[in-house]
Every structure is written in structure tokens, then in C-alpha cells.
Protein backbone atom coordinates (compact mmCIF):
# COMPACT_ATOMS: atom_id res chain seq x y z
CA MET A 1 0.27 -0.01 -0.03
CA ARG A 2 2.91 2.65 0.80
CA GLU A 3 4.20 1.94 -2.87
CA LYS A 4 0.82 2.45 -4.31
CA ILE A 5 0.45 5.64 -2.09
CA VAL A 6 3.59 7.19 -3.22
CA ASP A 7 3.12 5.99 -6.84
CA LYS A 8 -0.23 7.81 -7.00
CA ALA A 9 0.77 10.97 -5.08
CA GLU A 10 3.81 11.31 -7.66
CA GLU A 11 1.55 11.61 -10.47
CA MET A 12 -0.80 13.68 -9.24
CA PHE A 13 1.80 16.10 -7.62
CA LEU A 14 3.58 16.36 -11.11
CA ARG A 15 0.31 16.92 -12.82
CA LEU A 16 -1.68 19.15 -10.74
CA GLY A 17 1.06 20.41 -8.66
CA PHE A 18 2.32 20.16 -5.03
CA LYS A 19 0.09 22.86 -3.29
CA SER A 20 -3.27 21.88 -4.63
CA ILE A 21 -3.20 18.28 -4.22
CA THR A 22 -4.43 17.38 -0.65
CA MET A 23 -4.43 14.32 1.24
CA ASP A 24 -7.87 13.57 0.75
CA ASP A 25 -7.50 13.80 -3.11
CA ILE A 26 -4.98 11.09 -2.78
CA ALA A 27 -6.88 9.15 -0.53
CA LYS A 28 -10.18 9.57 -2.87
CA GLU A 29 -7.95 8.81 -6.10
CA LEU A 30 -6.59 5.45 -4.41
CA GLY A 31 -10.18 4.59 -3.21
CA VAL A 32 -8.99 4.49 0.64
CA SER A 33 -9.61 6.63 3.66
CA LYS A 34 -7.47 9.25 4.69
CA LYS A 35 -6.59 7.54 7.63
CA THR A 36 -4.66 4.74 5.75
CA ILE A 37 -2.37 7.27 4.29
CA TYR A 38 -1.55 9.15 7.52
CA LYS A 39 -0.60 5.14 8.71
CA TYR A 40 2.57 5.87 6.32
CA PHE A 41 2.93 9.32 6.12
CA SER A 42 2.61 11.73 9.07
CA ASN A 43 2.03 14.63 7.40
CA LYS A 44 1.97 15.65 3.48
CA ALA A 45 5.38 17.23 3.72
CA ALA A 46 6.68 13.67 4.49
CA LEU A 47 4.71 12.39 1.53
CA VAL A 48 6.29 15.13 -0.86
CA LYS A 49 9.64 14.18 0.32
CA THR A 50 9.19 10.74 -0.06
CA ALA A 51 7.71 10.96 -3.95
CA THR A 52 10.11 13.54 -5.00
CA THR A 53 13.34 11.71 -3.42
CA ARG A 54 11.88 8.74 -5.48
CA LEU A 55 11.34 10.89 -8.58
CA GLN A 56 14.90 12.05 -8.44
CA GLU A 57 16.07 8.67 -8.29
CA GLU A 58 14.18 7.66 -11.45
CA ILE A 59 15.75 10.39 -13.08
CA ASP A 60 19.09 9.43 -12.02
CA ASP A 61 18.83 5.98 -12.88
CA THR A 62 17.26 7.03 -16.62
CA ILE A 63 20.24 9.49 -16.88
CA ARG A 64 22.64 6.60 -16.18
CA GLU A 65 20.79 4.45 -18.71
CA ILE A 66 21.48 7.02 -21.28
CA LYS A 67 24.92 7.28 -20.62
CA SER A 68 25.52 3.65 -20.82
CA LYS A 69 24.06 3.47 -24.23
CA ASN A 70 27.54 5.52 -25.60
CA TYR A 71 25.89 7.99 -27.76
CA ASN A 72 28.13 10.97 -28.95
CA ALA A 73 28.64 13.76 -26.38
CA ILE A 74 26.29 16.32 -27.94
CA LYS A 75 23.45 13.50 -28.88
CA GLU A 76 23.80 12.45 -25.35
CA GLU A 77 22.69 16.00 -24.05
CA PHE A 78 19.88 15.83 -26.19
CA ILE A 79 18.69 12.53 -25.75
CA VAL A 80 18.46 13.27 -21.92
CA LYS A 81 16.72 16.26 -22.67
CA ALA A 82 14.28 14.77 -24.67
CA THR A 83 13.34 12.06 -21.87
CA PHE A 84 12.82 14.68 -19.47
CA LYS A 85 10.52 16.36 -21.76
CA GLU A 86 8.53 13.15 -22.03
CA MET A 87 8.77 12.42 -18.49
CA PHE A 88 7.08 15.45 -17.52
CA LYS A 89 5.24 16.41 -20.34
CA ASN A 90 1.55 16.53 -18.29
CA ALA A 91 3.17 18.62 -15.38
CA LYS A 92 1.61 22.19 -15.78
CA THR A 93 4.20 24.16 -13.62
CA SER A 94 7.94 23.43 -12.95
CA PRO A 95 7.90 20.85 -9.98
CA MET A 96 11.43 22.62 -9.06
CA TYR A 97 9.70 26.09 -9.04
CA GLN A 98 6.81 24.34 -6.81
CA LEU A 99 9.30 23.07 -4.32
CA LYS A 100 11.22 25.86 -3.96
CA LYS A 101 7.84 27.96 -3.00
CA TYR A 102 6.09 25.65 -1.00
CA TYR A 103 8.47 23.24 0.34
CA PRO A 104 11.99 25.17 0.41
CA GLU A 105 13.64 22.65 2.60
CA ILE A 106 12.83 19.66 0.08
CA TYR A 107 14.07 21.92 -2.55
CA THR A 108 16.97 22.46 -0.71
CA THR A 109 17.59 19.11 -0.07
CA LEU A 110 17.20 17.95 -3.78
CA LYS A 111 19.02 20.64 -5.50
CA ASN A 112 22.32 19.63 -3.29
CA LYS A 113 21.88 16.32 -4.36
CA GLU A 114 20.95 17.13 -7.84
CA LEU A 115 24.45 19.15 -7.70
CA CYS A 116 26.57 16.00 -7.35
CA LEU A 117 24.76 14.26 -9.98
CA PHE A 118 25.19 16.81 -12.33
CA LYS A 119 28.77 17.81 -11.94
CA ASP A 120 29.64 13.80 -12.06
CA CYS A 121 27.37 13.51 -15.34
CA ASN A 122 28.41 16.89 -16.87
CA THR A 123 32.14 16.55 -16.28
CA ASP A 124 31.78 13.17 -17.83
CA ASN A 125 29.94 14.58 -21.16
CA LEU A 126 32.52 17.40 -21.45
CA GLU A 127 35.43 14.96 -20.95
CA LYS A 128 34.02 12.51 -23.52
CA GLY A 129 33.03 15.21 -25.90
CA ILE A 130 36.61 16.59 -25.74
CA ALA A 131 38.01 12.80 -26.60
CA GLN A 132 35.40 12.73 -29.34
CA GLY A 133 36.60 15.90 -30.55
CA LEU A 134 33.45 17.85 -30.49
CA TYR A 135 34.39 20.11 -27.57
CA ARG A 136 37.17 22.33 -27.35
CA LYS A 137 40.49 20.99 -25.62
CA ASP A 138 41.22 24.22 -23.89
CA LEU A 139 37.77 24.01 -21.91
CA HIS A 140 38.10 24.43 -17.90
CA ILE A 141 35.97 21.83 -17.30
CA ASP A 142 34.96 22.62 -13.73
CA LEU A 143 34.07 26.13 -14.65
CA VAL A 144 32.03 24.89 -17.95
CA SER A 145 29.87 22.79 -15.54
CA ASN A 146 29.03 25.25 -13.17
CA PHE A 147 28.35 27.87 -15.43
CA TYR A 148 25.93 25.40 -17.42
CA PHE A 149 24.57 24.41 -13.56
CA SER A 150 23.92 28.17 -12.83
CA LEU A 151 21.99 28.65 -16.08
CA ILE A 152 19.88 25.52 -15.76
CA PHE A 153 18.94 26.30 -12.16
CA GLY A 154 18.34 30.11 -12.48
CA VAL A 155 15.57 29.28 -15.14
CA PHE A 156 13.75 27.52 -11.98
CA GLU A 157 14.60 30.27 -9.33
CA SER A 158 14.54 33.40 -11.69
CA ASP A 159 11.03 35.05 -12.15
CA LEU A 160 12.29 36.38 -15.64
CA TYR A 161 11.12 33.20 -17.14
CA SER A 162 7.71 31.69 -17.17
CA HIS A 163 7.18 28.51 -14.76
CA GLU A 164 4.77 26.61 -17.33
CA MET A 165 6.39 23.10 -17.71
CA GLN A 166 6.32 23.49 -21.72
CA GLU A 167 7.97 27.09 -21.82
CA VAL A 168 10.45 25.77 -19.01
CA MET A 169 11.40 22.90 -21.51
CA LYS A 170 11.84 25.35 -24.73
CA VAL A 171 14.10 27.76 -22.10
CA GLU A 172 16.22 24.56 -21.44
CA TYR A 173 16.55 23.73 -25.24
CA GLU A 174 17.80 27.04 -25.24
CA VAL A 175 20.31 26.83 -22.59
CA LEU A 176 21.67 23.54 -24.11
CA GLU A 177 22.33 25.10 -27.45
CA TYR A 178 23.99 28.26 -25.64
CA HIS A 179 26.04 25.73 -23.42
CA ILE A 180 27.22 23.73 -26.75
CA ARG A 181 27.55 26.52 -28.98
CA ALA A 182 29.81 27.81 -26.44
CA ILE A 183 32.37 24.83 -26.31
CA ALA A 184 31.68 22.89 -29.39
CA THR A 185 34.59 22.45 -31.99
CA GLU A 186 33.55 22.52 -35.45
CA LYS A 187 32.66 19.32 -35.94
CA GLY A 188 30.62 19.75 -32.71
CA ILE A 189 28.99 22.63 -34.45
CA GLU A 190 27.81 20.29 -37.04
CA GLU A 191 26.66 17.55 -34.70
CA LEU A 192 24.77 20.56 -32.76
CA GLU A 193 23.08 21.48 -35.95
CA ARG A 194 21.99 17.92 -36.53
CA GLN A 195 20.36 17.82 -33.19
CA LEU A 196 18.50 20.85 -33.66
CA GLN A 197 17.36 20.14 -37.12
CA THR A 198 16.09 16.54 -35.75
CA ILE A 199 14.44 18.33 -32.75
CA ASN A 200 12.92 21.08 -35.13
CA GLN A 201 11.20 18.30 -37.12
CA PHE A 202 8.83 17.71 -34.21
CA LYS A 203 7.88 21.18 -33.24
């Protein structure tokens, strides 16, 4: 039952938002009493923490699976982005923005964990891209990784951008293109243009 509760909560939180969904809503969807949910979770914040932690684990596993396919570095970045777009296609508002606004402690914990994974994955991608001749050899990898992370999380944290999920994904693609153009060789730019042509076919 605990897993069913987390499954349903994760799906509803993403689709309808962390703030608007109540324990009553989740109980109703599951066809159980609210008391049953409280048997496993002392309050809504505890359920949000469990659901978002598991979502992050699912994202981490997905990224590792993609990286195991040995795509070239630029194609790998676009496949990760496309996978996220599909994963969050039913979300109306950026989950990270919602967490920051309504559950800041959970947001901070997730962001810190995400920073560690991001740096590992991005460093691996940069090193692979350099070895493949797609990224410049003179890159300062730590700085480039930090720049990219700052840009990505700036989208979630700034009020300069819409927090509607579809708009967030559009901006993230723009950030990815901006990032790759800044570090790519001529060969890398050619691969970038191929990837952009592919995603533009599906707009």
C-alpha cells in the first residue's frame, strides 16, 4: 500500500501541483480512507519528500541508462533533454519551482543532491566530448560545468521566465544550445545542427 500511495502521489503532484493536491485527493483517487495514508506518512510534507526523492532516483537511473548507450556527447545531451520532456509532459508547472516556493527545505535538499549528480554527469559528458573532438580541448571543465548548472537552475529560480512546464522545457533547450555553442569545435557545431534539425522536425 505504501508504494501505491507514493505512486499516486507522485503522479498527481506532477500533473496538478504540490500545493493544490491534498491528502484527501490522494485517498479519493486510491479509494482508501485518509487514515490509511496517515498510517504511512505523518503529514503531506513527508509524502512530498518521499515522492520527490523517488522521482529524483528515477531521473538518476534514467540518466545513467542513457549514458550507458555510448552516444556521442552532444547527442547524449539532447536525448537526456528529450527524455525529461517526455517524463514531465503532463506537468503544468515546473516541479522545482513549486518545491522552492512551497517546500523550500525539500527543494534545498534535492538541489544539493542534484548538484552532485549534475557535476558528475556533466564532467563525464565534457571529457567525452573533448575526446571525441566535439568540444574544445582548452575547456576549464569545472568552470564550464558550474556555468551550465547556474544557467539551468537560474531558469527554475528566476522570475524572468515562465514557470509553465512547456515554456521551461523550451528555455532549457535554448540553454543547452547556448552551452554547446560556447564549447563546441567545428565538428561539434555540425553535430549540434543535426540535433537541432531533428528536434525542429517534431515541433
